[in-house]
Every structure is written in structure tokens, then in C-alpha cells.
Protein backbone atom coordinates (compact mmCIF):
# COMPACT_ATOMS: atom_id res chain seq x y z
CA MET A 1 0.00 0.00 0.00
CA PRO A 2 2.09 2.99 -1.20
CA THR A 3 1.27 6.42 0.29
CA THR A 4 2.87 9.79 -0.39
CA ILE A 5 2.72 12.36 2.40
CA ASN A 6 4.93 15.22 3.62
CA ASP A 7 7.92 14.54 1.37
CA SER A 8 7.75 10.83 2.13
CA LEU A 9 6.69 7.70 0.30
CA ILE A 10 5.40 5.04 2.69
CA THR A 11 4.63 1.43 1.77
CA HIS A 12 3.01 -1.37 3.74
CA CYS A 13 2.91 -4.98 2.55
CA ASN A 14 1.20 -7.92 4.27
CA GLU A 15 3.89 -10.38 3.20
CA THR A 16 5.49 -12.89 5.57
CA GLY A 17 8.29 -10.46 6.41
CA PHE A 18 12.08 -10.47 6.09
CA THR A 19 14.31 -13.37 7.02
CA LYS A 20 18.01 -13.07 7.84
CA ARG A 21 18.78 -14.08 4.26
CA ASN A 22 16.55 -11.28 2.90
CA VAL A 23 18.32 -8.68 5.06
CA GLU A 24 21.74 -9.91 3.94
CA ALA A 25 20.67 -9.76 0.27
CA ILE A 26 19.32 -6.21 0.51
CA CYS A 27 22.67 -5.09 1.97
CA ARG A 28 24.58 -6.32 -1.08
CA ILE A 29 25.03 -5.08 -4.64
CA GLY A 30 23.77 -7.23 -7.49
CA LYS A 31 22.48 -9.93 -5.16
CA THR A 32 18.94 -11.12 -4.57
CA SER A 33 17.21 -13.84 -2.61
CA LYS A 34 14.49 -14.12 -5.27
CA VAL A 35 16.33 -15.55 -8.29
CA LYS A 36 15.51 -19.21 -7.74
CA SER A 37 12.30 -20.92 -6.74
CA SER A 38 11.38 -24.51 -6.03
CA ALA A 39 9.16 -24.50 -9.11
CA GLY A 40 12.04 -23.46 -11.37
CA ARG A 41 10.46 -20.12 -12.20
CA GLY A 42 11.94 -16.65 -11.99
CA TYR A 43 11.01 -13.54 -10.06
CA ILE A 44 11.11 -9.81 -10.73
CA GLY A 45 14.43 -9.45 -8.89
CA GLU A 46 16.17 -11.53 -11.56
CA LYS A 47 15.43 -8.78 -14.08
CA GLY A 48 17.67 -6.36 -12.17
CA ILE A 49 14.90 -4.18 -10.74
CA GLY A 50 16.46 -4.13 -7.31
CA PHE A 51 15.94 -2.34 -4.02
CA LYS A 52 18.77 0.15 -4.68
CA SER A 53 16.61 1.83 -7.34
CA VAL A 54 14.70 3.58 -4.51
CA PHE A 55 17.65 5.96 -4.13
CA LYS A 56 16.73 7.57 -7.44
CA VAL A 57 14.06 9.45 -5.45
CA ALA A 58 15.03 8.92 -1.79
CA SER A 59 17.88 10.11 0.43
CA THR A 60 17.00 7.89 3.40
CA VAL A 61 15.04 4.63 3.54
CA TRP A 62 13.68 3.01 6.70
CA ILE A 63 12.63 -0.65 6.70
CA SER A 64 10.64 -2.42 9.40
CA SER A 65 9.96 -6.13 8.91
CA CYS A 66 9.32 -8.72 11.64
CA GLU A 67 12.12 -8.33 14.20
CA TYR A 68 14.28 -6.24 11.84
CA SER A 69 14.23 -2.44 11.78
CA PHE A 70 16.95 -0.39 10.09
CA LYS A 71 17.66 2.40 7.63
CA PHE A 72 19.99 3.24 4.74
CA GLU A 73 21.35 6.76 4.11
CA LYS A 74 22.40 7.60 0.56
CA GLU A 75 24.85 10.38 1.48
CA ARG A 76 26.91 8.30 3.92
CA PRO A 77 29.95 6.35 2.64
CA LEU A 78 28.60 2.94 1.60
CA GLY A 79 25.31 4.17 3.02
CA MET A 80 23.20 2.31 0.46
CA ILE A 81 24.51 -1.08 1.59
CA THR A 82 25.41 -0.49 5.25
CA PRO A 83 22.33 -0.62 7.51
CA ILE A 84 21.89 1.55 10.59
CA TRP A 85 19.73 -0.21 13.15
CA GLU A 86 16.91 2.20 13.91
CA GLN A 87 13.16 2.06 14.43
CA LEU A 88 10.80 3.37 11.77
CA PRO A 89 9.84 6.97 12.76
CA GLU A 90 6.72 6.62 14.90
CA ASP A 91 5.02 9.65 13.39
CA GLN A 92 5.01 7.87 10.03
CA LEU A 93 3.49 4.61 11.22
CA SER A 94 0.01 3.95 9.94
CA LYS A 95 -2.75 2.06 11.68
CA ASP A 96 -2.99 0.06 8.44
CA ALA A 97 0.54 -1.30 8.84
CA PRO A 98 0.36 -5.11 8.75
CA GLU A 99 1.54 -7.12 11.73
CA GLY A 100 4.42 -9.34 10.72
CA GLY A 101 4.60 -7.73 7.28
CA THR A 102 6.99 -5.14 5.90
CA SER A 103 6.82 -1.34 6.05
CA MET A 104 9.14 1.10 4.32
CA ARG A 105 9.46 4.86 4.49
CA LEU A 106 11.35 6.75 1.79
CA GLN A 107 12.45 10.28 2.67
CA LEU A 108 12.36 12.01 -0.71
CA SER A 109 15.61 13.67 -1.78
CA HIS A 110 15.87 17.37 -2.60
CA ASP A 111 16.26 16.70 -6.33
CA CYS A 112 13.29 14.31 -6.51
CA ASP A 113 10.67 15.48 -9.01
CA ARG A 114 7.68 15.43 -6.67
CA ARG A 115 5.22 16.47 -9.34
CA ARG A 116 6.25 13.57 -11.55
CA LEU A 117 6.13 11.13 -8.63
CA ARG A 118 2.59 12.24 -7.84
CA GLU A 119 1.61 11.80 -11.49
CA GLU A 120 3.11 8.29 -11.49
CA MET A 121 1.12 7.40 -8.39
CA THR A 122 -2.19 8.77 -9.66
CA SER A 123 -1.77 7.25 -13.15
CA PHE A 124 -0.64 3.80 -11.97
CA ASP A 125 -1.49 1.14 -14.58
CA PRO A 126 -4.04 -1.29 -13.07
CA ASN A 127 -3.20 -3.90 -15.73
CA ILE A 128 0.07 -4.65 -13.94
CA LEU A 129 -2.01 -6.76 -11.54
CA ILE A 130 -2.79 -9.19 -14.37
CA PHE A 131 0.81 -10.36 -14.71
CA LEU A 132 1.99 -10.41 -11.08
CA ARG A 133 1.62 -13.83 -9.46
CA THR A 134 0.99 -13.01 -5.81
CA LEU A 135 -0.14 -9.37 -5.66
CA GLU A 136 -3.94 -9.31 -5.60
CA GLN A 137 -4.65 -5.78 -4.38
CA ILE A 138 -2.86 -2.45 -4.13
CA THR A 139 -4.03 0.74 -2.42
CA LEU A 140 -2.52 4.03 -3.61
CA THR A 141 -2.96 7.11 -1.41
CA VAL A 142 -1.62 10.60 -2.17
CA THR A 143 -1.79 13.47 0.33
CA ASP A 144 -0.14 16.78 -0.56
CA SER A 145 -0.90 20.45 -1.21
CA ASN A 146 -3.14 19.42 -4.11
CA GLY A 147 -5.44 17.46 -1.81
CA TYR A 148 -6.13 13.79 -1.13
CA SER A 149 -6.71 10.88 -3.47
CA LYS A 150 -7.09 7.14 -2.92
CA ARG A 151 -7.32 4.23 -5.36
CA VAL A 152 -7.97 0.63 -4.36
CA LEU A 153 -7.11 -1.68 -7.26
CA ARG A 154 -7.98 -5.36 -7.03
CA ARG A 155 -7.62 -8.41 -9.27
CA VAL A 156 -10.41 -11.00 -9.39
CA ARG A 157 -9.57 -14.35 -11.00
CA GLU A 158 -12.24 -16.38 -12.77
CA PRO A 159 -11.98 -19.49 -14.98
CA ASN A 160 -10.06 -18.29 -18.07
CA ALA A 161 -10.73 -14.68 -17.15
CA ILE A 162 -9.47 -11.82 -14.99
CA LYS A 163 -11.34 -8.73 -13.84
CA ILE A 164 -9.72 -5.55 -12.56
CA LEU A 165 -11.69 -3.49 -10.04
CA GLU A 166 -11.04 0.08 -8.92
CA ASN A 167 -12.76 1.10 -5.70
CA ASP A 168 -14.97 -2.02 -6.09
CA LYS A 169 -16.07 -1.01 -9.60
CA GLU A 170 -15.10 -3.15 -12.58
CA ILE A 171 -12.89 -1.23 -15.01
CA PHE A 172 -11.35 -4.05 -17.09
CA HIS A 173 -12.42 -7.57 -18.05
CA TYR A 174 -10.03 -9.92 -19.86
CA ALA A 175 -10.29 -13.39 -21.36
CA THR A 176 -7.04 -15.18 -20.53
CA PHE A 177 -5.08 -18.01 -22.11
CA THR A 178 -2.01 -19.63 -20.53
CA HIS A 179 0.78 -21.60 -22.20
CA SER A 180 3.55 -23.31 -20.23
CA VAL A 181 7.05 -23.72 -21.65
CA PRO A 182 8.46 -26.72 -19.71
CA ILE A 183 12.07 -26.73 -20.93
CA MET A 184 13.88 -23.38 -21.07
CA PRO A 185 17.38 -23.04 -22.57
CA TYR A 186 20.19 -22.54 -20.08
CA GLU A 187 20.98 -18.93 -19.24
CA PRO A 188 23.72 -18.08 -16.67
CA LYS A 189 21.76 -15.03 -15.50
CA ARG A 190 18.78 -17.29 -14.79
CA GLU A 191 20.48 -20.11 -12.93
CA GLY A 192 17.96 -22.77 -11.93
CA ILE A 193 15.12 -21.39 -14.08
CA THR A 194 13.80 -24.33 -16.10
CA GLN A 195 10.29 -23.30 -17.10
CA SER A 196 8.24 -20.27 -18.02
CA GLU A 197 4.62 -19.35 -18.46
CA ILE A 198 3.09 -17.18 -21.17
CA LEU A 199 -0.17 -15.41 -20.36
CA LEU A 200 -2.30 -13.74 -23.04
CA ALA A 201 -5.08 -11.41 -21.90
CA PHE A 202 -7.69 -10.15 -24.39
CA PRO A 203 -10.04 -7.32 -23.37
CA VAL A 204 -13.73 -8.22 -23.31
CA GLN A 205 -16.18 -5.43 -24.12
CA ASP A 206 -19.92 -5.29 -24.73
CA THR A 207 -19.54 -3.18 -27.87
CA PRO A 208 -16.89 -3.42 -30.64
CA SER A 209 -14.11 -0.86 -30.59
CA LEU A 210 -11.20 0.22 -32.77
CA PRO A 211 -7.94 -1.75 -32.41
CA THR A 212 -5.69 -0.37 -29.69
CA ALA A 213 -2.06 -1.15 -28.87
CA HIS A 214 -1.34 -3.01 -25.63
CA GLN A 215 1.79 -3.43 -23.54
CA VAL A 216 3.96 -6.53 -23.35
CA TYR A 217 4.79 -7.54 -19.77
CA ALA A 218 7.55 -9.55 -18.13
CA PHE A 219 5.84 -9.29 -14.74
CA LEU A 220 6.15 -5.50 -15.16
CA PRO A 221 5.47 -3.64 -18.43
CA ILE A 222 8.33 -3.63 -20.93
CA ARG A 223 6.96 -1.57 -23.81
CA SER A 224 4.32 -1.52 -26.52
CA TYR A 225 5.34 -3.55 -29.56
CA GLY A 226 2.42 -2.40 -31.69
CA PHE A 227 0.22 -5.45 -31.16
CA ASN A 228 -3.25 -4.10 -31.88
CA VAL A 229 -6.26 -5.85 -30.38
CA ARG A 230 -9.79 -5.46 -31.72
CA THR A 231 -12.56 -6.21 -29.21
């Protein structure tokens, strides 16, 4: 649940929380604890979208997860990989913070484009939920001088179909088709990854519409390749 407020970006996630291995991985460069899985499938971390990318907008990052609570400071020598054990600032804690989950607070840096960050938050693409395996719902809250906004986006799975709801109202309906690739060629960057899954999602509408281009996703959107879909 990402929230922007008072020059901060706050996230809460009801995951199982950090283990010692997770903490060690987040304190390293180019390492992740998400590359391999027992099913032989990859994760987003394998694509190089790592935790350190938060320092593009943040100067300090606090993390609170299970029994671990620490921060990273960008301006300190080796500050992005050397944790300082410290509690998450109490004034930033939300009553919605999950017990046993993970909370993060990003103190936005002086050169962070706050207007662009707000636009990214308010224009978040709900279709990302289609291609993420475990994330079912995301709540986006923005509080600043321009006012207050809140979006609750949720994915509903049905047989061969997915619906996307915003604030409990259906905004997208897709017919889905899945194809499994059981034997993947060896790739050193994807050690242990032996299979992959291709998901096609076609929009379902009551009335025909002109063809529109749709994104291609590898968990997260890559780009539009000009594939037009007529519904």
C-alpha cells in the first residue's frame, strides 16, 4: 500500500516479512534472494529491478519487517549497503501497517521530481495486476498540497478470465489463455530457471471498438510492440 505524504513515500505490505537471508541480500550489490524458486520459475528481482533503485528518489530509507528495523542513508559512505539499526519513525506509522509484514518509508531527496512522482502514483497502470503472481490488491494514497486521493485496485480471478476493479467497480475484463514452456534453454543469468509461463489477456467489451495497442509484460510492463487488439 504505497502512500505519499509530507515529502515521504510510505509502503506497507502484508507479506510474511524479512528473514536473515533477505536482510543480507538487501545489503549487497547485485544480489537477490528471489532468483531461484522450487518451481524453477523466476522472479522480478532476476530482471535487475532491485531495491537500490529507490535511491533515485530517496535520500533515506527506513525498513521495518518482523524483528528487523533499520535504515539506509544515501549520502553516507557505503550508506546504500550499510544498515543503521533504527526504528521506523513513529510519526510515520500507519494504523494500516500489517503485523508481521513489511513497512518502508522513503524520505524524498531534494532533487526528486515530486510532481512527476505524484503523477506516477495517480496514473498507476491497473493492468500490472494481471501479470503479477501473488499481488492481488494495491491501495494508492496521495496526500499533498493538491489534496487527497485514494485508489484501491484489485484483481479478481475467474476461470479463463481476470477482472480488474477500482474502488470495487469493474474497469477491465479480460479473457485469458495460458501456455507453459516446460524446458527453457540454459541462461547463466537465470540459474535454476527451467520453465516459463506465457499469459495472453484479451479485453472483453460489450460493444466493438477500434484496435488499440497493448503493452507486453515480463511481470512489469516492458513496452508496446504495436500489437493491436480489436474487441
